[in-house]
PDB file of N, CA and C in Angstrom:
ATOM      1  N   VAL A   1       9.809  10.414  -1.340  1.00  0.00           N
ATOM      2  CA  VAL A   1       9.607  10.267   0.053  1.00  0.00           C
ATOM      3  C   VAL A   1       9.106  12.041   0.612  1.00  0.00           C
ATOM      4  N   ALA A   2       8.688  12.062   1.699  1.00  0.00           N
ATOM      5  CA  ALA A   2       8.402  13.511   2.284  1.00  0.00           C
ATOM      6  C   ALA A   2       8.793  13.637   3.591  1.00  0.00           C
ATOM      7  N   ASN A   3       8.853  14.721   4.223  1.00  0.00           N
ATOM      8  CA  ASN A   3       8.939  15.083   5.532  1.00  0.00           C
ATOM      9  C   ASN A   3       7.818  15.327   6.135  1.00  0.00           C
ATOM     10  N   VAL A   4       7.420  14.701   6.960  1.00  0.00           N
ATOM     11  CA  VAL A   4       6.301  14.561   7.943  1.00  0.00           C
ATOM     12  C   VAL A   4       6.567  14.998   9.560  1.00  0.00           C
ATOM     13  N   ARG A   5       6.566  15.956  10.109  1.00  0.00           N
ATOM     14  CA  ARG A   5       7.045  16.483  11.242  1.00  0.00           C
ATOM     15  C   ARG A   5       8.083  16.074  11.734  1.00  0.00           C
ATOM     16  N   GLY A   6       9.017  15.943  10.561  1.00  0.00           N
ATOM     17  CA  GLY A   6      10.502  15.781  11.246  1.00  0.00           C
ATOM     18  C   GLY A   6      10.766  14.302  10.731  1.00  0.00           C
ATOM     19  N   ASP A   7       9.994  13.323  10.316  1.00  0.00           N
ATOM     20  CA  ASP A   7      10.324  12.134  10.128  1.00  0.00           C
ATOM     21  C   ASP A   7      10.185  11.956   8.591  1.00  0.00           C
ATOM     22  N   VAL A   8      11.283  11.199   7.960  1.00  0.00           N
ATOM     23  CA  VAL A   8      11.202  11.064   6.885  1.00  0.00           C
ATOM     24  C   VAL A   8      10.094   9.662   6.011  1.00  0.00           C
ATOM     25  N   VAL A   9       8.987   9.910   5.329  1.00  0.00           N
ATOM     26  CA  VAL A   9       8.420   9.079   5.147  1.00  0.00           C
ATOM     27  C   VAL A   9       8.005   8.410   3.876  1.00  0.00           C
ATOM     28  N   SER A  10       8.120   7.356   3.536  1.00  0.00           N
ATOM     29  CA  SER A  10       7.871   6.875   1.996  1.00  0.00           C
ATOM     30  C   SER A  10       6.366   7.352   1.574  1.00  0.00           C
ATOM     31  N   MET A  11       5.999   7.727   0.292  1.00  0.00           N
ATOM     32  CA  MET A  11       5.152   7.736  -0.297  1.00  0.00           C
ATOM     33  C   MET A  11       4.391   7.040  -1.367  1.00  0.00           C
ATOM     34  N   VAL A  12       3.189   6.603  -1.604  1.00  0.00           N
ATOM     35  CA  VAL A  12       2.808   5.400  -2.376  1.00  0.00           C
ATOM     36  C   VAL A  12       1.453   5.999  -2.883  1.00  0.00           C
ATOM     37  N   ASP A  13       1.456   6.192  -4.244  1.00  0.00           N
ATOM     38  CA  ASP A  13       0.695   6.546  -5.187  1.00  0.00           C
ATOM     39  C   ASP A  13      -0.365   5.154  -4.943  1.00  0.00           C
ATOM     40  N   CYS A  14      -1.516   5.306  -4.637  1.00  0.00           N
ATOM     41  CA  CYS A  14      -2.124   4.246  -4.093  1.00  0.00           C
ATOM     42  C   CYS A  14      -2.718   3.674  -5.917  1.00  0.00           C
ATOM     43  N   ARG A  15      -3.066   4.688  -6.654  1.00  0.00           N
ATOM     44  CA  ARG A  15      -3.453   4.229  -8.049  1.00  0.00           C
ATOM     45  C   ARG A  15      -2.539   3.442  -8.589  1.00  0.00           C
ATOM     46  N   ALA A  16      -1.112   3.946  -8.539  1.00  0.00           N
ATOM     47  CA  ALA A  16      -0.165   3.355  -9.478  1.00  0.00           C
ATOM     48  C   ALA A  16       0.279   1.900  -8.749  1.00  0.00           C
ATOM     49  N   PHE A  17       0.280   2.030  -7.553  1.00  0.00           N
ATOM     50  CA  PHE A  17       0.242   0.820  -6.707  1.00  0.00           C
ATOM     51  C   PHE A  17      -0.775  -0.570  -6.855  1.00  0.00           C
ATOM     52  N   LEU A  18      -2.068   0.162  -7.027  1.00  0.00           N
ATOM     53  CA  LEU A  18      -3.008  -0.859  -7.495  1.00  0.00           C
ATOM     54  C   LEU A  18      -3.351  -1.114  -8.834  1.00  0.00           C
ATOM     55  N   GLY A  19      -2.175  -0.765  -9.684  1.00  0.00           N
ATOM     56  CA  GLY A  19      -2.320  -0.709 -11.565  1.00  0.00           C
ATOM     57  C   GLY A  19      -3.226  -0.081 -12.045  1.00  0.00           C
ATOM     58  N   GLU A  20      -3.941   0.952 -11.620  1.00  0.00           N
ATOM     59  CA  GLU A  20      -4.662   2.129 -12.040  1.00  0.00           C
ATOM     60  C   GLU A  20      -3.852   3.123 -13.115  1.00  0.00           C
ATOM     61  N   ARG A  21      -4.655   3.775 -13.987  1.00  0.00           N
ATOM     62  CA  ARG A  21      -3.968   5.163 -14.679  1.00  0.00           C
ATOM     63  C   ARG A  21      -3.841   5.900 -13.610  1.00  0.00           C
ATOM     64  N   PRO A  22      -2.753   6.873 -13.767  1.00  0.00           N
ATOM     65  CA  PRO A  22      -2.792   7.981 -13.234  1.00  0.00           C
ATOM     66  C   PRO A  22      -3.722   8.955 -13.268  1.00  0.00           C
ATOM     67  N   ALA A  23      -4.114   9.474 -12.208  1.00  0.00           N
ATOM     68  CA  ALA A  23      -5.184  10.573 -12.477  1.00  0.00           C
ATOM     69  C   ALA A  23      -4.467  12.261 -12.556  1.00  0.00           C
ATOM     70  N   PRO A  24      -5.086  12.754 -13.033  1.00  0.00           N
ATOM     71  CA  PRO A  24      -4.710  14.320 -13.089  1.00  0.00           C
ATOM     72  C   PRO A  24      -4.722  14.559 -11.468  1.00  0.00           C
ATOM     73  N   HIS A  25      -3.661  15.727 -11.506  1.00  0.00           N
ATOM     74  CA  HIS A  25      -3.157  16.448 -10.011  1.00  0.00           C
ATOM     75  C   HIS A  25      -4.410  17.720 -10.173  1.00  0.00           C
ATOM     76  N   THR A  26      -5.262  17.313  -8.925  1.00  0.00           N
ATOM     77  CA  THR A  26      -6.606  18.111  -8.783  1.00  0.00           C
ATOM     78  C   THR A  26      -6.047  18.716  -7.110  1.00  0.00           C
ATOM     79  N   PRO A  27      -6.944  19.911  -6.721  1.00  0.00           N
ATOM     80  CA  PRO A  27      -6.939  20.286  -5.157  1.00  0.00           C
ATOM     81  C   PRO A  27      -7.713  19.131  -4.294  1.00  0.00           C
ATOM     82  N   ASP A  28      -8.259  18.047  -4.774  1.00  0.00           N
ATOM     83  CA  ASP A  28      -8.840  17.140  -4.095  1.00  0.00           C
ATOM     84  C   ASP A  28      -7.798  15.946  -3.473  1.00  0.00           C
ATOM     85  N   ARG A  29      -6.741  15.567  -4.098  1.00  0.00           N
ATOM     86  CA  ARG A  29      -5.653  14.951  -4.078  1.00  0.00           C
ATOM     87  C   ARG A  29      -5.100  15.142  -2.249  1.00  0.00           C
ATOM     88  N   ARG A  30      -5.116  13.894  -1.607  1.00  0.00           N
ATOM     89  CA  ARG A  30      -4.715  14.203  -0.615  1.00  0.00           C
ATOM     90  C   ARG A  30      -3.454  12.992  -0.180  1.00  0.00           C
ATOM     91  N   LEU A  31      -2.686  13.194   0.558  1.00  0.00           N
ATOM     92  CA  LEU A  31      -1.847  12.329   1.368  1.00  0.00           C
ATOM     93  C   LEU A  31      -2.280  12.178   2.785  1.00  0.00           C
ATOM     94  N   ILE A  32      -2.342  10.475   2.837  1.00  0.00           N
ATOM     95  CA  ILE A  32      -3.020  10.035   4.221  1.00  0.00           C
ATOM     96  C   ILE A  32      -1.943   9.658   4.759  1.00  0.00           C
ATOM     97  N   VAL A  33      -1.293   9.792   6.106  1.00  0.00           N
ATOM     98  CA  VAL A  33      -0.078   9.176   6.768  1.00  0.00           C
ATOM     99  C   VAL A  33      -0.578   8.048   7.559  1.00  0.00           C
ATOM    100  N   ALA A  34      -0.229   6.932   7.227  1.00  0.00           N
ATOM    101  CA  ALA A  34      -0.542   5.821   7.998  1.00  0.00           C
ATOM    102  C   ALA A  34       0.322   5.041   8.720  1.00  0.00           C
ATOM    103  N   ARG A  35       0.111   4.206   9.842  1.00  0.00           N
ATOM    104  CA  ARG A  35       0.987   3.701  10.607  1.00  0.00           C
ATOM    105  C   ARG A  35       0.808   2.319  11.091  1.00  0.00           C
ATOM    106  N   SER A  36       1.633   1.374  10.749  1.00  0.00           N
ATOM    107  CA  SER A  36       1.159  -0.147  10.836  1.00  0.00           C
ATOM    108  C   SER A  36       0.657  -0.098  12.218  1.00  0.00           C
ATOM    109  N   ALA A  37       0.095  -1.424  12.957  1.00  0.00           N
ATOM    110  CA  ALA A  37      -0.622  -1.571  14.042  1.00  0.00           C
ATOM    111  C   ALA A  37       0.663  -1.806  15.290  1.00  0.00           C
ATOM    112  N   ASN A  38       1.707  -2.193  14.820  1.00  0.00           N
ATOM    113  CA  ASN A  38       2.718  -2.623  15.731  1.00  0.00           C
ATOM    114  C   ASN A  38       3.773  -1.061  15.715  1.00  0.00           C
ATOM    115  N   GLY A  39       3.206  -0.099  14.973  1.00  0.00           N
ATOM    116  CA  GLY A  39       4.171   1.370  14.724  1.00  0.00           C
ATOM    117  C   GLY A  39       5.245   1.214  14.284  1.00  0.00           C
ATOM    118  N   GLU A  40       5.955   0.264  13.753  1.00  0.00           N
ATOM    119  CA  GLU A  40       7.129   0.242  12.876  1.00  0.00           C
ATOM    120  C   GLU A  40       7.145   0.560  11.811  1.00  0.00           C
ATOM    121  N   LEU A  41       5.874   1.196  11.107  1.00  0.00           N
ATOM    122  CA  LEU A  41       5.849   1.424   9.729  1.00  0.00           C
ATOM    123  C   LEU A  41       5.252   2.369   9.298  1.00  0.00           C
ATOM    124  N   THR A  42       5.693   3.475   8.849  1.00  0.00           N
ATOM    125  CA  THR A  42       4.744   4.513   8.578  1.00  0.00           C
ATOM    126  C   THR A  42       4.616   4.938   6.981  1.00  0.00           C
ATOM    127  N   ALA A  43       3.671   5.285   6.711  1.00  0.00           N
ATOM    128  CA  ALA A  43       3.883   5.387   4.921  1.00  0.00           C
ATOM    129  C   ALA A  43       2.870   6.524   4.647  1.00  0.00           C
ATOM    130  N   GLY A  44       3.080   7.454   3.664  1.00  0.00           N
ATOM    131  CA  GLY A  44       2.110   8.177   3.223  1.00  0.00           C
ATOM    132  C   GLY A  44       1.373   7.744   2.036  1.00  0.00           C
ATOM    133  N   LEU A  45       0.008   7.678   1.890  1.00  0.00           N
ATOM    134  CA  LEU A  45      -0.882   7.106   0.691  1.00  0.00           C
ATOM    135  C   LEU A  45      -1.157   8.428   0.041  1.00  0.00           C
ATOM    136  N   LEU A  46      -1.132   8.547  -1.012  1.00  0.00           N
ATOM    137  CA  LEU A  46      -1.422   9.512  -2.173  1.00  0.00           C
ATOM    138  C   LEU A  46      -2.673   9.013  -2.538  1.00  0.00           C
ATOM    139  N   VAL A  47      -4.068   9.654  -2.453  1.00  0.00           N
ATOM    140  CA  VAL A  47      -5.258   9.233  -2.816  1.00  0.00           C
ATOM    141  C   VAL A  47      -6.282  10.382  -3.600  1.00  0.00           C
ATOM    142  N   ASP A  48      -6.864   9.784  -4.431  1.00  0.00           N
ATOM    143  CA  ASP A  48      -7.497  11.030  -5.372  1.00  0.00           C
ATOM    144  C   ASP A  48      -8.433  12.053  -4.381  1.00  0.00           C
ATOM    145  N   ARG A  49      -9.082  11.583  -3.425  1.00  0.00           N
ATOM    146  CA  ARG A  49      -9.939  12.187  -2.447  1.00  0.00           C
ATOM    147  C   ARG A  49     -10.279  11.847  -1.213  1.00  0.00           C
ATOM    148  N   VAL A  50     -10.390  12.419  -0.008  1.00  0.00           N
ATOM    149  CA  VAL A  50     -10.999  11.976   1.328  1.00  0.00           C
ATOM    150  C   VAL A  50     -12.574  12.405   1.124  1.00  0.00           C
ATOM    151  N   ARG A  51     -13.385  11.686   1.499  1.00  0.00           N
ATOM    152  CA  ARG A  51     -14.964  12.158   1.189  1.00  0.00           C
ATOM    153  C   ARG A  51     -15.430  12.092   3.068  1.00  0.00           C
ATOM    154  N   GLY A  52     -14.814  11.625   3.828  1.00  0.00           N
ATOM    155  CA  GLY A  52     -14.936  11.896   5.171  1.00  0.00           C
ATOM    156  C   GLY A  52     -14.125  10.474   6.010  1.00  0.00           C
ATOM    157  N   LEU A  53     -13.980  10.747   7.259  1.00  0.00           N
ATOM    158  CA  LEU A  53     -13.793   9.307   8.113  1.00  0.00           C
ATOM    159  C   LEU A  53     -14.796   9.102   8.370  1.00  0.00           C
ATOM    160  N   ARG A  54     -14.730   7.894   8.835  1.00  0.00           N
ATOM    161  CA  ARG A  54     -15.895   7.046   9.543  1.00  0.00           C
ATOM    162  C   ARG A  54     -15.115   6.150  10.666  1.00  0.00           C
ATOM    163  N   SER A  55     -15.636   5.815  11.687  1.00  0.00           N
ATOM    164  CA  SER A  55     -15.157   4.833  12.710  1.00  0.00           C
ATOM    165  C   SER A  55     -16.247   3.507  12.702  1.00  0.00           C
ATOM    166  N   ILE A  56     -15.470   2.581  11.759  1.00  0.00           N
ATOM    167  CA  ILE A  56     -16.477   1.106  11.917  1.00  0.00           C
ATOM    168  C   ILE A  56     -16.015   0.261  12.734  1.00  0.00           C
ATOM    169  N   PRO A  57     -17.067  -0.285  13.768  1.00  0.00           N
ATOM    170  CA  PRO A  57     -16.700  -1.478  14.579  1.00  0.00           C
ATOM    171  C   PRO A  57     -16.495  -2.494  13.703  1.00  0.00           C
ATOM    172  N   PRO A  58     -15.384  -3.127  14.398  1.00  0.00           N
ATOM    173  CA  PRO A  58     -15.042  -4.658  13.611  1.00  0.00           C
ATOM    174  C   PRO A  58     -16.340  -5.569  13.267  1.00  0.00           C
ATOM    175  N   ASP A  59     -16.821  -5.652  13.884  1.00  0.00           N
ATOM    176  CA  ASP A  59     -18.267  -6.544  13.928  1.00  0.00           C
ATOM    177  C   ASP A  59     -18.750  -6.207  12.940  1.00  0.00           C
ATOM    178  N   ARG A  60     -18.705  -4.859  12.549  1.00  0.00           N
ATOM    179  CA  ARG A  60     -19.741  -4.481  11.153  1.00  0.00           C
ATOM    180  C   ARG A  60     -19.198  -4.580   9.906  1.00  0.00           C
ATOM    181  N   VAL A  61     -17.931  -5.106   9.786  1.00  0.00           N
ATOM    182  CA  VAL A  61     -17.115  -5.558   8.626  1.00  0.00           C
ATOM    183  C   VAL A  61     -17.316  -7.265   8.164  1.00  0.00           C
ATOM    184  N   GLN A  62     -18.108  -7.151   6.991  1.00  0.00           N
ATOM    185  CA  GLN A  62     -18.423  -8.745   6.696  1.00  0.00           C
ATOM    186  C   GLN A  62     -17.585  -8.616   5.194  1.00  0.00           C
ATOM    187  N   SER A  63     -17.665 -10.166   4.982  1.00  0.00           N
ATOM    188  CA  SER A  63     -16.851 -10.326   4.007  1.00  0.00           C
ATOM    189  C   SER A  63     -17.705 -10.000   2.576  1.00  0.00           C
ATOM    190  N   PRO A  64     -17.112  -9.920   1.383  1.00  0.00           N
ATOM    191  CA  PRO A  64     -17.749  -9.389   0.281  1.00  0.00           C
ATOM    192  C   PRO A  64     -18.592 -10.410  -0.153  1.00  0.00           C
ATOM    193  N   THR A  65     -19.975 -10.190  -0.604  1.00  0.00           N
ATOM    194  CA  THR A  65     -20.786 -11.413  -1.064  1.00  0.00           C
ATOM    195  C   THR A  65     -20.506 -11.932  -2.423  1.00  0.00           C
ATOM    196  N   ALA A  66     -19.811 -10.818  -3.438  1.00  0.00           N
ATOM    197  CA  ALA A  66     -19.130 -11.697  -4.758  1.00  0.00           C
ATOM    198  C   ALA A  66     -17.804 -11.641  -4.959  1.00  0.00           C
ATOM    199  N   PRO A  67     -17.185 -12.576  -5.587  1.00  0.00           N
ATOM    200  CA  PRO A  67     -15.625 -12.770  -5.641  1.00  0.00           C
ATOM    201  C   PRO A  67     -15.169 -11.365  -6.306  1.00  0.00           C
ATOM    202  N   LEU A  68     -14.083 -10.704  -5.711  1.00  0.00           N
ATOM    203  CA  LEU A  68     -13.559  -9.740  -6.272  1.00  0.00           C
ATOM    204  C   LEU A  68     -12.404  -9.876  -7.293  1.00  0.00           C
ATOM    205  N   ALA A  69     -12.135  -9.677  -8.644  1.00  0.00           N
ATOM    206  CA  ALA A  69     -10.852 -10.018  -9.037  1.00  0.00           C
ATOM    207  C   ALA A  69      -9.794  -8.632  -9.414  1.00  0.00           C
ATOM    208  N   ALA A  70     -10.252  -7.767  -8.456  1.00  0.00           N
ATOM    209  CA  ALA A  70      -9.079  -6.137  -8.637  1.00  0.00           C
ATOM    210  C   ALA A  70      -7.912  -6.618  -7.478  1.00  0.00           C
ATOM    211  N   LYS A  71      -7.136  -6.018  -7.802  1.00  0.00           N
ATOM    212  CA  LYS A  71      -6.135  -6.282  -7.187  1.00  0.00           C
ATOM    213  C   LYS A  71      -5.961  -5.343  -5.741  1.00  0.00           C
ATOM    214  N   ALA A  72      -7.284  -4.475  -5.415  1.00  0.00           N
ATOM    215  CA  ALA A  72      -7.372  -4.303  -4.096  1.00  0.00           C
ATOM    216  C   ALA A  72      -7.653  -4.959  -3.491  1.00  0.00           C
ATOM    217  N   ALA A  73      -8.383  -6.223  -3.868  1.00  0.00           N
ATOM    218  CA  ALA A  73      -9.072  -7.395  -3.065  1.00  0.00           C
ATOM    219  C   ALA A  73      -8.464  -7.708  -2.251  1.00  0.00           C
ATOM    220  N   ALA A  74      -6.766  -8.018  -2.324  1.00  0.00           N
ATOM    221  CA  ALA A  74      -5.588  -8.815  -1.618  1.00  0.00           C
ATOM    222  C   ALA A  74      -5.566  -7.605  -0.423  1.00  0.00           C
ATOM    223  N   TYR A  75      -6.090  -6.433  -0.271  1.00  0.00           N
ATOM    224  CA  TYR A  75      -5.878  -5.378   0.649  1.00  0.00           C
ATOM    225  C   TYR A  75      -7.194  -5.145   1.513  1.00  0.00           C
ATOM    226  N   MET A  76      -8.161  -5.769   1.321  1.00  0.00           N
ATOM    227  CA  MET A  76      -9.478  -5.677   1.857  1.00  0.00           C
ATOM    228  C   MET A  76      -9.470  -6.213   3.137  1.00  0.00           C
ATOM    229  N   ALA A  77     -10.249  -5.564   4.207  1.00  0.00           N
ATOM    230  CA  ALA A  77     -10.526  -6.336   5.554  1.00  0.00           C
ATOM    231  C   ALA A  77     -12.026  -7.064   5.037  1.00  0.00           C
ATOM    232  N   GLY A  78     -12.544  -6.224   4.111  1.00  0.00           N
ATOM    233  CA  GLY A  78     -14.019  -6.464   4.091  1.00  0.00           C
ATOM    234  C   GLY A  78     -14.962  -5.285   3.636  1.00  0.00           C
ATOM    235  N   VAL A  79     -16.139  -5.441   3.703  1.00  0.00           N
ATOM    236  CA  VAL A  79     -17.069  -4.512   3.031  1.00  0.00           C
ATOM    237  C   VAL A  79     -18.364  -4.114   4.420  1.00  0.00           C
ATOM    238  N   ALA A  80     -18.565  -2.772   4.656  1.00  0.00           N
ATOM    239  CA  ALA A  80     -19.408  -2.475   5.713  1.00  0.00           C
ATOM    240  C   ALA A  80     -20.331  -1.690   5.030  1.00  0.00           C
ATOM    241  N   ASP A  81     -21.709  -2.170   5.727  1.00  0.00           N
ATOM    242  CA  ASP A  81     -22.913  -0.911   5.307  1.00  0.00           C
ATOM    243  C   ASP A  81     -22.883   0.253   6.114  1.00  0.00           C
ATOM    244  N   VAL A  82     -22.604   1.438   5.311  1.00  0.00           N
ATOM    245  CA  VAL A  82     -22.634   2.771   6.017  1.00  0.00           C
ATOM    246  C   VAL A  82     -23.389   3.686   5.622  1.00  0.00           C
ATOM    247  N   ASP A  83     -24.518   4.037   6.514  1.00  0.00           N
ATOM    248  CA  ASP A  83     -25.701   4.742   5.555  1.00  0.00           C
ATOM    249  C   ASP A  83     -26.641   4.386   4.447  1.00  0.00           C
ATOM    250  N   GLY A  84     -26.454   2.910   4.447  1.00  0.00           N
ATOM    251  CA  GLY A  84     -27.193   2.225   3.234  1.00  0.00           C
ATOM    252  C   GLY A  84     -26.408   1.978   2.008  1.00  0.00           C
ATOM    253  N   ARG A  85     -25.148   2.584   2.272  1.00  0.00           N
ATOM    254  CA  ARG A  85     -24.227   2.052   1.197  1.00  0.00           C
ATOM    255  C   ARG A  85     -23.018   1.518   1.600  1.00  0.00           C
ATOM    256  N   PRO A  86     -22.700   0.317   0.481  1.00  0.00           N
ATOM    257  CA  PRO A  86     -21.634  -0.448   0.716  1.00  0.00           C
ATOM    258  C   PRO A  86     -20.073   0.295   0.981  1.00  0.00           C
ATOM    259  N   LEU A  87     -19.309   0.134   1.568  1.00  0.00           N
ATOM    260  CA  LEU A  87     -18.279   1.005   1.908  1.00  0.00           C
ATOM    261  C   LEU A  87     -17.105  -0.343   1.993  1.00  0.00           C
ATOM    262  N   VAL A  88     -15.887  -0.097   1.040  1.00  0.00           N
ATOM    263  CA  VAL A  88     -14.922  -1.082   0.884  1.00  0.00           C
ATOM    264  C   VAL A  88     -13.908  -0.925   2.293  1.00  0.00           C
ATOM    265  N   VAL A  89     -13.484  -1.861   3.199  1.00  0.00           N
ATOM    266  CA  VAL A  89     -12.807  -1.234   4.122  1.00  0.00           C
ATOM    267  C   VAL A  89     -11.226  -2.100   3.878  1.00  0.00           C
ATOM    268  N   LEU A  90     -10.421  -1.268   3.813  1.00  0.00           N
ATOM    269  CA  LEU A  90      -8.964  -1.785   3.547  1.00  0.00           C
ATOM    270  C   LEU A  90      -8.302  -2.199   4.993  1.00  0.00           C
ATOM    271  N   ALA A  91      -7.659  -3.284   4.863  1.00  0.00           N
ATOM    272  CA  ALA A  91      -6.411  -3.633   5.991  1.00  0.00           C
ATOM    273  C   ALA A  91      -5.421  -3.064   5.821  1.00  0.00           C
ATOM    274  N   PRO A  92      -5.215  -1.867   6.468  1.00  0.00           N
ATOM    275  CA  PRO A  92      -3.787  -1.004   6.506  1.00  0.00           C
ATOM    276  C   PRO A  92      -2.902  -1.815   6.733  1.00  0.00           C
ATOM    277  N   ASP A  93      -2.592  -2.731   7.685  1.00  0.00           N
ATOM    278  CA  ASP A  93      -1.037  -3.286   7.823  1.00  0.00           C
ATOM    279  C   ASP A  93      -0.888  -4.301   6.427  1.00  0.00           C
ATOM    280  N   ARG A  94      -1.784  -4.693   5.867  1.00  0.00           N
ATOM    281  CA  ARG A  94      -1.536  -5.492   4.551  1.00  0.00           C
ATOM    282  C   ARG A  94      -1.003  -4.522   3.518  1.00  0.00           C
ATOM    283  N   LEU A  95      -1.936  -3.433   3.453  1.00  0.00           N
ATOM    284  CA  LEU A  95      -1.628  -2.770   2.501  1.00  0.00           C
ATOM    285  C   LEU A  95       0.199  -1.794   2.607  1.00  0.00           C
ATOM    286  N   LEU A  96       0.181  -1.487   3.931  1.00  0.00           N
ATOM    287  CA  LEU A  96       1.674  -0.985   4.498  1.00  0.00           C
ATOM    288  C   LEU A  96       2.584  -2.204   4.472  1.00  0.00           C
ATOM    289  N   LEU A  97       2.499  -3.108   4.760  1.00  0.00           N
ATOM    290  CA  LEU A  97       3.874  -4.265   4.878  1.00  0.00           C
ATOM    291  C   LEU A  97       3.713  -4.861   3.313  1.00  0.00           C
ATOM    292  N   SER A  98       2.894  -4.652   2.570  1.00  0.00           N
ATOM    293  CA  SER A  98       3.300  -5.446   1.306  1.00  0.00           C
ATOM    294  C   SER A  98       4.270  -5.011   0.308  1.00  0.00           C
TER     295      SER A  98
END
């Protein structure tokens, strides 16, 4: 748990949650605070790094063209093409409420 602006927030290591091996602690690791759409649940997601923030319109999110066997597939909203690169778009509520 962590204290974020006076609120106690549960923290989730995304690597452990998705069954990945632990990564070494580096200066790039970040804690992303996410809130469910209804505002009832807030959690801190520990990630390896943040390369940037993007606003992706829902109509640009497509279903993946190939089946995904990874545990992360259950938490995906789909895939979007951003600057010529495929970008996995997560469904935050599915992740937070699981």
